[in-house]
C-alpha atoms as a PDB file:
ATOM      1  CA  MET A   1      53.086 -74.715 -40.355  1.00  0.00           C
ATOM      2  CA  SER A   2      53.635 -77.847 -42.400  1.00  0.00           C
ATOM      3  CA  VAL A   3      55.932 -79.075 -45.188  1.00  0.00           C
ATOM      4  CA  LEU A   4      54.125 -78.903 -48.854  1.00  0.00           C
ATOM      5  CA  SER A   5      56.072 -81.311 -50.394  1.00  0.00           C
ATOM      6  CA  GLY A   6      59.226 -83.628 -49.651  1.00  0.00           C
ATOM      7  CA  GLU A   7      61.125 -81.675 -52.297  1.00  0.00           C
ATOM      8  CA  VAL A   8      64.565 -80.207 -50.873  1.00  0.00           C
ATOM      9  CA  HIS A   9      64.472 -76.518 -51.343  1.00  0.00           C
ATOM     10  CA  LEU A  10      67.623 -75.494 -49.557  1.00  0.00           C
ATOM     11  CA  ARG A  11      70.714 -77.730 -48.768  1.00  0.00           C
ATOM     12  CA  ILE A  12      73.735 -76.726 -46.861  1.00  0.00           C
ATOM     13  CA  GLU A  13      76.285 -79.388 -47.482  1.00  0.00           C
ATOM     14  CA  GLU A  14      79.175 -79.956 -45.127  1.00  0.00           C
ATOM     15  CA  LEU A  15      79.849 -76.032 -44.334  1.00  0.00           C
ATOM     16  CA  SER A  16      83.052 -75.070 -42.219  1.00  0.00           C
ATOM     17  CA  LYS A  17      84.266 -71.824 -41.373  1.00  0.00           C
ATOM     18  CA  GLU A  18      87.040 -70.030 -39.497  1.00  0.00           C
ATOM     19  CA  TYR A  19      88.372 -66.678 -38.762  1.00  0.00           C
ATOM     20  CA  MET A  20      91.450 -65.074 -37.921  1.00  0.00           C
ATOM     21  CA  ILE A  21      91.555 -62.914 -34.855  1.00  0.00           C
ATOM     22  CA  LYS A  22      94.236 -60.982 -32.989  1.00  0.00           C
ATOM     23  CA  SER A  23      95.421 -62.941 -29.763  1.00  0.00           C
ATOM     24  CA  LYS A  24      94.818 -61.237 -26.189  1.00  0.00           C
ATOM     25  CA  GLN A  25      98.173 -59.639 -26.524  1.00  0.00           C
ATOM     26  CA  GLY A  26      97.284 -57.790 -29.835  1.00  0.00           C
ATOM     27  CA  TYR A  27     100.537 -58.669 -31.679  1.00  0.00           C
ATOM     28  CA  ALA A  28      99.716 -61.893 -33.077  1.00  0.00           C
ATOM     29  CA  TYR A  29      96.907 -63.829 -34.691  1.00  0.00           C
ATOM     30  CA  GLN A  30      94.860 -67.049 -33.675  1.00  0.00           C
ATOM     31  CA  ARG A  31      92.270 -68.987 -35.401  1.00  0.00           C
ATOM     32  CA  LEU A  32      88.766 -69.334 -34.335  1.00  0.00           C
ATOM     33  CA  PRO A  33      86.851 -72.390 -35.699  1.00  0.00           C
ATOM     34  CA  THR A  34      83.140 -71.306 -36.021  1.00  0.00           C
ATOM     35  CA  LEU A  35      81.532 -73.666 -37.981  1.00  0.00           C
ATOM     36  CA  GLU A  36      82.342 -77.351 -38.406  1.00  0.00           C
ATOM     37  CA  ASN A  37      80.791 -79.530 -41.097  1.00  0.00           C
ATOM     38  CA  ILE A  38      77.462 -78.295 -40.880  1.00  0.00           C
ATOM     39  CA  SER A  39      74.877 -80.488 -43.066  1.00  0.00           C
ATOM     40  CA  LEU A  40      71.310 -79.580 -42.951  1.00  0.00           C
ATOM     41  CA  GLU A  41      68.096 -79.720 -45.417  1.00  0.00           C
ATOM     42  CA  VAL A  42      64.784 -77.640 -45.646  1.00  0.00           C
ATOM     43  CA  SER A  43      61.918 -79.090 -47.655  1.00  0.00           C
ATOM     44  CA  ARG A  44      59.988 -76.763 -49.590  1.00  0.00           C
ATOM     45  CA  GLY A  45      57.168 -74.937 -47.301  1.00  0.00           C
ATOM     46  CA  GLU A  46      58.859 -76.426 -44.334  1.00  0.00           C
ATOM     47  CA  PHE A  47      59.470 -74.130 -41.442  1.00  0.00           C
ATOM     48  CA  VAL A  48      62.851 -75.149 -39.810  1.00  0.00           C
ATOM     49  CA  SER A  49      64.366 -73.741 -36.553  1.00  0.00           C
ATOM     50  CA  ILE A  50      68.034 -73.752 -35.563  1.00  0.00           C
ATOM     51  CA  ILE A  51      68.820 -73.204 -31.724  1.00  0.00           C
ATOM     52  CA  GLY A  52      72.140 -73.290 -29.980  1.00  0.00           C
ATOM     53  CA  PRO A  53      74.509 -71.510 -27.488  1.00  0.00           C
ATOM     54  CA  SER A  54      75.288 -67.955 -27.879  1.00  0.00           C
ATOM     55  CA  GLY A  55      77.980 -67.249 -29.987  1.00  0.00           C
ATOM     56  CA  CYS A  56      78.281 -70.704 -31.238  1.00  0.00           C
ATOM     57  CA  GLY A  57      77.901 -69.396 -35.145  1.00  0.00           C
ATOM     58  CA  LYS A  58      74.180 -69.318 -36.155  1.00  0.00           C
ATOM     59  CA  SER A  59      74.401 -65.982 -37.741  1.00  0.00           C
ATOM     60  CA  THR A  60      77.495 -67.117 -39.401  1.00  0.00           C
ATOM     61  CA  LEU A  61      75.793 -69.887 -40.990  1.00  0.00           C
ATOM     62  CA  PHE A  62      73.151 -67.509 -42.104  1.00  0.00           C
ATOM     63  CA  ASN A  63      75.786 -64.915 -43.525  1.00  0.00           C
ATOM     64  CA  ILE A  64      77.105 -67.926 -45.710  1.00  0.00           C
ATOM     65  CA  ILE A  65      73.572 -68.908 -46.889  1.00  0.00           C
ATOM     66  CA  SER A  66      72.837 -65.565 -47.971  1.00  0.00           C
ATOM     67  CA  GLY A  67      75.923 -64.894 -49.599  1.00  0.00           C
ATOM     68  CA  LEU A  68      77.628 -62.223 -47.374  1.00  0.00           C
ATOM     69  CA  GLU A  69      80.082 -64.602 -46.675  1.00  0.00           C
ATOM     70  CA  LYS A  70      82.045 -67.510 -47.974  1.00  0.00           C
ATOM     71  CA  PRO A  71      82.544 -70.712 -46.259  1.00  0.00           C
ATOM     72  CA  ASP A  72      86.211 -72.347 -46.080  1.00  0.00           C
ATOM     73  CA  ALA A  73      84.818 -75.667 -47.099  1.00  0.00           C
ATOM     74  CA  GLY A  74      81.053 -76.741 -48.039  1.00  0.00           C
ATOM     75  CA  LYS A  75      78.430 -75.750 -50.576  1.00  0.00           C
ATOM     76  CA  VAL A  76      74.926 -74.038 -50.388  1.00  0.00           C
ATOM     77  CA  PHE A  77      72.361 -75.233 -52.526  1.00  0.00           C
ATOM     78  CA  LEU A  78      68.892 -74.007 -53.899  1.00  0.00           C
ATOM     79  CA  GLN A  79      66.524 -76.172 -55.687  1.00  0.00           C
ATOM     80  CA  GLY A  80      69.678 -78.192 -56.707  1.00  0.00           C
ATOM     81  CA  ARG A  81      71.511 -75.248 -57.726  1.00  0.00           C
ATOM     82  CA  ASP A  82      75.111 -74.427 -55.985  1.00  0.00           C
ATOM     83  CA  ILE A  83      74.660 -70.829 -54.941  1.00  0.00           C
ATOM     84  CA  THR A  84      77.433 -70.794 -52.558  1.00  0.00           C
ATOM     85  CA  GLY A  85      78.773 -66.926 -52.382  1.00  0.00           C
ATOM     86  CA  LEU A  86      75.987 -65.623 -54.317  1.00  0.00           C
ATOM     87  CA  ARG A  87      73.759 -62.653 -53.125  1.00  0.00           C
ATOM     88  CA  GLY A  88      70.170 -61.999 -53.646  1.00  0.00           C
ATOM     89  CA  LYS A  89      69.100 -65.720 -54.000  1.00  0.00           C
ATOM     90  CA  VAL A  90      67.408 -65.786 -50.433  1.00  0.00           C
ATOM     91  CA  ALA A  91      65.365 -63.106 -48.424  1.00  0.00           C
ATOM     92  CA  TYR A  92      67.108 -62.111 -44.801  1.00  0.00           C
ATOM     93  CA  MET A  93      65.223 -60.673 -42.183  1.00  0.00           C
ATOM     94  CA  LEU A  94      67.556 -59.327 -39.286  1.00  0.00           C
ATOM     95  CA  GLN A  95      66.235 -59.061 -35.612  1.00  0.00           C
ATOM     96  CA  LYS A  96      66.873 -55.267 -35.940  1.00  0.00           C
ATOM     97  CA  ASP A  97      64.058 -53.940 -38.179  1.00  0.00           C
ATOM     98  CA  LEU A  98      66.365 -51.333 -39.989  1.00  0.00           C
ATOM     99  CA  LEU A  99      63.659 -49.646 -41.248  1.00  0.00           C
ATOM    100  CA  LEU A 100      64.615 -46.079 -42.687  1.00  0.00           C
ATOM    101  CA  PRO A 101      63.281 -43.221 -40.390  1.00  0.00           C
ATOM    102  CA  TRP A 102      62.914 -40.956 -43.285  1.00  0.00           C
ATOM    103  CA  ARG A 103      60.439 -43.468 -45.367  1.00  0.00           C
ATOM    104  CA  SER A 104      56.807 -43.956 -44.439  1.00  0.00           C
ATOM    105  CA  ILE A 105      55.929 -47.524 -43.902  1.00  0.00           C
ATOM    106  CA  LEU A 106      54.691 -48.139 -47.556  1.00  0.00           C
ATOM    107  CA  ASP A 107      57.942 -46.659 -48.995  1.00  0.00           C
ATOM    108  CA  ASN A 108      60.076 -48.870 -46.364  1.00  0.00           C
ATOM    109  CA  CYS A 109      58.281 -51.916 -47.792  1.00  0.00           C
ATOM    110  CA  ILE A 110      58.887 -51.169 -51.314  1.00  0.00           C
ATOM    111  CA  LEU A 111      62.915 -51.169 -51.088  1.00  0.00           C
ATOM    112  CA  ALA A 112      63.629 -54.588 -52.501  1.00  0.00           C
ATOM    113  CA  LEU A 113      61.237 -54.080 -55.461  1.00  0.00           C
ATOM    114  CA  GLU A 114      62.816 -50.886 -56.157  1.00  0.00           C
ATOM    115  CA  LEU A 115      66.339 -52.358 -56.483  1.00  0.00           C
ATOM    116  CA  GLN A 116      64.822 -54.988 -58.927  1.00  0.00           C
ATOM    117  CA  ASN A 117      63.762 -51.817 -61.080  1.00  0.00           C
ATOM    118  CA  VAL A 118      59.839 -52.111 -60.418  1.00  0.00           C
ATOM    119  CA  THR A 119      58.280 -48.750 -61.110  1.00  0.00           C
ATOM    120  CA  ARG A 120      57.506 -47.032 -58.037  1.00  0.00           C
ATOM    121  CA  SER A 121      53.923 -46.961 -58.668  1.00  0.00           C
ATOM    122  CA  LYS A 122      53.516 -50.598 -59.357  1.00  0.00           C
ATOM    123  CA  ALA A 123      55.929 -51.527 -55.902  1.00  0.00           C
ATOM    124  CA  ARG A 124      53.439 -49.165 -54.008  1.00  0.00           C
ATOM    125  CA  GLN A 125      50.593 -51.338 -55.302  1.00  0.00           C
ATOM    126  CA  GLN A 126      52.121 -54.650 -54.544  1.00  0.00           C
ATOM    127  CA  ALA A 127      53.074 -53.603 -51.205  1.00  0.00           C
ATOM    128  CA  MET A 128      49.765 -52.210 -50.399  1.00  0.00           C
ATOM    129  CA  ASP A 129      48.018 -55.281 -51.472  1.00  0.00           C
ATOM    130  CA  MET A 130      50.362 -57.014 -48.838  1.00  0.00           C
ATOM    131  CA  LEU A 131      49.925 -54.511 -46.177  1.00  0.00           C
ATOM    132  CA  ARG A 132      46.301 -54.934 -46.317  1.00  0.00           C
ATOM    133  CA  GLU A 133      46.338 -59.007 -46.690  1.00  0.00           C
ATOM    134  CA  LEU A 134      48.113 -58.621 -43.290  1.00  0.00           C
ATOM    135  CA  ASN A 135      46.228 -56.105 -41.747  1.00  0.00           C
ATOM    136  CA  LEU A 136      48.760 -53.190 -41.772  1.00  0.00           C
ATOM    137  CA  GLY A 137      47.120 -51.204 -44.545  1.00  0.00           C
ATOM    138  CA  ASP A 138      46.034 -48.508 -41.845  1.00  0.00           C
ATOM    139  CA  PHE A 139      49.596 -47.810 -41.025  1.00  0.00           C
ATOM    140  CA  SER A 140      51.227 -47.444 -44.681  1.00  0.00           C
ATOM    141  CA  ALA A 141      51.400 -43.283 -44.265  1.00  0.00           C
ATOM    142  CA  ASN A 142      52.845 -43.903 -40.749  1.00  0.00           C
ATOM    143  CA  TYR A 143      56.731 -43.662 -40.024  1.00  0.00           C
ATOM    144  CA  PRO A 144      58.564 -46.296 -38.274  1.00  0.00           C
ATOM    145  CA  ALA A 145      58.960 -43.874 -35.008  1.00  0.00           C
ATOM    146  CA  GLN A 146      55.177 -44.085 -34.638  1.00  0.00           C
ATOM    147  CA  LEU A 147      54.960 -47.532 -34.451  1.00  0.00           C
ATOM    148  CA  SER A 148      55.612 -50.235 -31.507  1.00  0.00           C
ATOM    149  CA  GLY A 149      58.565 -52.434 -31.960  1.00  0.00           C
ATOM    150  CA  GLY A 150      56.003 -55.508 -32.630  1.00  0.00           C
ATOM    151  CA  MET A 151      54.841 -53.204 -35.543  1.00  0.00           C
ATOM    152  CA  ARG A 152      57.668 -52.319 -36.829  1.00  0.00           C
ATOM    153  CA  GLN A 153      59.132 -56.150 -36.888  1.00  0.00           C
ATOM    154  CA  ARG A 154      55.723 -57.042 -38.869  1.00  0.00           C
ATOM    155  CA  VAL A 155      56.634 -54.072 -41.522  1.00  0.00           C
ATOM    156  CA  SER A 156      60.079 -55.549 -41.725  1.00  0.00           C
ATOM    157  CA  PHE A 157      58.558 -58.999 -42.426  1.00  0.00           C
ATOM    158  CA  VAL A 158      56.354 -57.422 -45.105  1.00  0.00           C
ATOM    159  CA  ARG A 159      59.538 -55.964 -46.755  1.00  0.00           C
ATOM    160  CA  THR A 160      61.307 -59.162 -46.443  1.00  0.00           C
ATOM    161  CA  MET A 161      58.406 -61.069 -48.310  1.00  0.00           C
ATOM    162  CA  LEU A 162      58.122 -58.579 -51.158  1.00  0.00           C
ATOM    163  CA  ALA A 163      61.867 -59.236 -52.093  1.00  0.00           C
ATOM    164  CA  GLY A 164      59.914 -62.185 -53.882  1.00  0.00           C
ATOM    165  CA  LYS A 165      62.303 -64.852 -52.797  1.00  0.00           C
ATOM    166  CA  GLU A 166      60.925 -68.601 -52.111  1.00  0.00           C
ATOM    167  CA  VAL A 167      63.431 -68.955 -48.776  1.00  0.00           C
ATOM    168  CA  LEU A 168      63.380 -66.914 -46.010  1.00  0.00           C
ATOM    169  CA  LEU A 169      66.210 -66.618 -43.476  1.00  0.00           C
ATOM    170  CA  LEU A 170      64.987 -65.194 -40.243  1.00  0.00           C
ATOM    171  CA  ASP A 171      67.448 -64.292 -37.443  1.00  0.00           C
ATOM    172  CA  GLU A 172      66.000 -63.830 -34.067  1.00  0.00           C
ATOM    173  CA  PRO A 173      63.322 -61.451 -35.482  1.00  0.00           C
ATOM    174  CA  PHE A 174      61.337 -61.166 -32.293  1.00  0.00           C
ATOM    175  CA  GLY A 175      64.342 -61.542 -29.809  1.00  0.00           C
ATOM    176  CA  ALA A 176      64.034 -58.047 -28.546  1.00  0.00           C
ATOM    177  CA  LEU A 177      60.403 -57.796 -27.983  1.00  0.00           C
ATOM    178  CA  ASP A 178      58.664 -58.189 -24.763  1.00  0.00           C
ATOM    179  CA  ALA A 179      56.975 -61.605 -23.933  1.00  0.00           C
ATOM    180  CA  TYR A 180      53.197 -60.576 -24.460  1.00  0.00           C
ATOM    181  CA  THR A 181      54.389 -58.877 -27.769  1.00  0.00           C
ATOM    182  CA  LYS A 182      56.501 -62.068 -29.035  1.00  0.00           C
ATOM    183  CA  SER A 183      53.271 -64.113 -28.144  1.00  0.00           C
ATOM    184  CA  GLU A 184      50.960 -61.845 -30.459  1.00  0.00           C
ATOM    185  CA  MET A 185      53.604 -62.069 -32.660  1.00  0.00           C
ATOM    186  CA  HIS A 186      53.809 -65.777 -33.027  1.00  0.00           C
ATOM    187  CA  ASP A 187      50.028 -65.730 -33.668  1.00  0.00           C
ATOM    188  CA  TRP A 188      50.394 -63.337 -36.438  1.00  0.00           C
ATOM    189  CA  LEU A 189      53.340 -65.294 -38.111  1.00  0.00           C
ATOM    190  CA  THR A 190      51.411 -68.237 -38.076  1.00  0.00           C
ATOM    191  CA  ASP A 191      48.649 -66.852 -39.975  1.00  0.00           C
ATOM    192  CA  SER A 192      50.888 -65.116 -42.364  1.00  0.00           C
ATOM    193  CA  PHE A 193      52.625 -68.340 -43.532  1.00  0.00           C
ATOM    194  CA  GLN A 194      49.451 -70.089 -43.825  1.00  0.00           C
ATOM    195  CA  LYS A 195      48.537 -67.519 -46.429  1.00  0.00           C
ATOM    196  CA  TYR A 196      51.904 -67.406 -48.330  1.00  0.00           C
ATOM    197  CA  ARG A 197      53.621 -70.662 -47.568  1.00  0.00           C
ATOM    198  CA  PRO A 198      57.165 -69.704 -48.163  1.00  0.00           C
ATOM    199  CA  THR A 199      60.407 -71.763 -46.877  1.00  0.00           C
ATOM    200  CA  VAL A 200      61.989 -70.927 -43.690  1.00  0.00           C
ATOM    201  CA  LEU A 201      64.997 -71.213 -41.752  1.00  0.00           C
ATOM    202  CA  PHE A 202      64.720 -69.621 -38.554  1.00  0.00           C
ATOM    203  CA  ILE A 203      67.333 -68.898 -35.541  1.00  0.00           C
ATOM    204  CA  THR A 204      66.137 -68.555 -31.862  1.00  0.00           C
ATOM    205  CA  HIS A 205      67.075 -68.979 -28.370  1.00  0.00           C
ATOM    206  CA  ASP A 206      63.624 -69.452 -27.230  1.00  0.00           C
ATOM    207  CA  ILE A 207      63.307 -73.052 -27.136  1.00  0.00           C
ATOM    208  CA  GLU A 208      59.243 -72.571 -26.687  1.00  0.00           C
ATOM    209  CA  GLU A 209      59.305 -70.379 -29.414  1.00  0.00           C
ATOM    210  CA  ALA A 210      61.149 -73.006 -31.940  1.00  0.00           C
ATOM    211  CA  ILE A 211      58.635 -75.623 -30.831  1.00  0.00           C
ATOM    212  CA  LEU A 212      55.669 -73.727 -31.579  1.00  0.00           C
ATOM    213  CA  LEU A 213      56.621 -72.638 -34.828  1.00  0.00           C
ATOM    214  CA  SER A 214      58.704 -75.264 -36.327  1.00  0.00           C
ATOM    215  CA  ASP A 215      58.130 -78.469 -38.455  1.00  0.00           C
ATOM    216  CA  ARG A 216      61.573 -79.448 -37.519  1.00  0.00           C
ATOM    217  CA  ILE A 217      64.503 -78.419 -35.098  1.00  0.00           C
ATOM    218  CA  TYR A 218      68.240 -78.404 -35.369  1.00  0.00           C
ATOM    219  CA  VAL A 219      70.493 -78.113 -32.066  1.00  0.00           C
ATOM    220  CA  LEU A 220      74.020 -77.105 -32.743  1.00  0.00           C
ATOM    221  CA  THR A 221      76.779 -77.272 -30.348  1.00  0.00           C
ATOM    222  CA  PRO A 222      78.994 -74.671 -28.740  1.00  0.00           C
ATOM    223  CA  ARG A 223      81.346 -73.231 -31.240  1.00  0.00           C
ATOM    224  CA  PRO A 224      82.588 -74.498 -33.333  1.00  0.00           C
ATOM    225  CA  ALA A 225      79.016 -75.166 -34.236  1.00  0.00           C
ATOM    226  CA  ALA A 226      77.941 -78.700 -35.352  1.00  0.00           C
ATOM    227  CA  ILE A 227      74.700 -80.261 -35.561  1.00  0.00           C
ATOM    228  CA  ARG A 228      74.156 -82.150 -32.213  1.00  0.00           C
ATOM    229  CA  LEU A 229      70.571 -83.098 -33.067  1.00  0.00           C
ATOM    230  CA  GLN A 230      67.691 -82.986 -35.438  1.00  0.00           C
ATOM    231  CA  ILE A 231      64.188 -83.435 -33.971  1.00  0.00           C
ATOM    232  CA  GLY A 232      60.562 -83.414 -35.748  1.00  0.00           C
ATOM    233  CA  VAL A 233      57.914 -81.240 -33.762  1.00  0.00           C
ATOM    234  CA  ASP A 234      54.830 -83.523 -34.452  1.00  0.00           C
ATOM    235  CA  LEU A 235      52.115 -81.591 -32.887  1.00  0.00           C
ATOM    236  CA  PRO A 236      48.828 -80.716 -34.760  1.00  0.00           C
ATOM    237  CA  HIS A 237      48.143 -77.472 -36.489  1.00  0.00           C
ATOM    238  CA  PRO A 238      47.035 -74.933 -36.182  1.00  0.00           C
ATOM    239  CA  ARG A 239      49.193 -74.380 -32.817  1.00  0.00           C
ATOM    240  CA  THR A 240      47.840 -72.038 -30.077  1.00  0.00           C
ATOM    241  CA  ARG A 241      49.270 -71.004 -26.690  1.00  0.00           C
ATOM    242  CA  ASP A 242      47.445 -73.794 -24.870  1.00  0.00           C
ATOM    243  CA  LEU A 243      50.054 -76.443 -26.451  1.00  0.00           C
ATOM    244  CA  LEU A 244      52.869 -74.797 -24.087  1.00  0.00           C
ATOM    245  CA  VAL A 245      51.251 -76.956 -21.129  1.00  0.00           C
ATOM    246  CA  ARG A 246      50.488 -80.365 -23.029  1.00  0.00           C
ATOM    247  CA  GLU A 247      52.626 -83.206 -22.098  1.00  0.00           C
ATOM    248  CA  SER A 248      53.528 -83.526 -25.841  1.00  0.00           C
ATOM    249  CA  PHE A 249      54.802 -80.074 -25.962  1.00  0.00           C
ATOM    250  CA  VAL A 250      56.801 -80.340 -22.564  1.00  0.00           C
ATOM    251  CA  ASP A 251      58.182 -83.872 -24.019  1.00  0.00           C
ATOM    252  CA  ILE A 252      60.001 -82.073 -26.788  1.00  0.00           C
ATOM    253  CA  LYS A 253      61.053 -79.226 -24.563  1.00  0.00           C
ATOM    254  CA  ARG A 254      62.819 -81.763 -22.189  1.00  0.00           C
ATOM    255  CA  VAL A 255      64.508 -83.273 -24.703  1.00  0.00           C
ATOM    256  CA  LEU A 256      65.843 -79.761 -26.422  1.00  0.00           C
ATOM    257  CA  LEU A 257      66.860 -78.694 -22.924  1.00  0.00           C
ATOM    258  CA  LYS A 258      68.734 -81.965 -22.359  1.00  0.00           C
ATOM    259  CA  GLU A 259      70.704 -81.451 -25.477  1.00  0.00           C
ATOM    260  CA  LEU A 260      71.609 -77.518 -25.102  1.00  0.00           C
ATOM    261  CA  PHE A 261      72.574 -77.832 -21.576  1.00  0.00           C
ATOM    262  CA  ASN A 262      74.152 -81.529 -20.763  1.00  0.00           C
END
């Protein structure tokens, strides 16, 4: 996955967020600073990962970018336009696939299109075309319970892509998968992005996953999250599993481990 242009597609400018939570005694509230002056950029067609300690505020950052929450300070810009607090401007895929069990795979995929008032027949045709392109066409009539976790995540990705947004937020989409299935998903995801070239912001706790998939990586501090490090991943494409043991890969991993755990 490589940057298609130098155009800044998504820009986060000095975001800060805190919550008021009940104290342990339960009769008073206290401040919980969560994000602190976060600024980052993602170029068009770029795959950028965010890593950081558990609970540091990564998902809060995505909630703000997607418009589900508003920041206390700072702005979110999409192609130069201020979209702070606006929903429906980016596509958002969570770790849980959230497929509706009573709908077939095909009809799960068309949800976003239906919400955009696309006719069911047209939506199904669009979804079927993408399912076939991504080697999922044979499963279109199945139901979520009939598929493995990895397959359900692939369907969830197709549904996210069919939302028709140029920027994808992927929040630990492979976090619940076993190592073998996750590795297969990396190959599948790489092939998929080579076909569609969206702009991606990706949250993960897996350092190797971040290096394997990304053009750049941001490292966050413990809560309140701030940018500790930005590092480019200058490794050749296409990236395969044999990269994991190469010195260039291990050097990047060493830098990230140092920043995360020192």
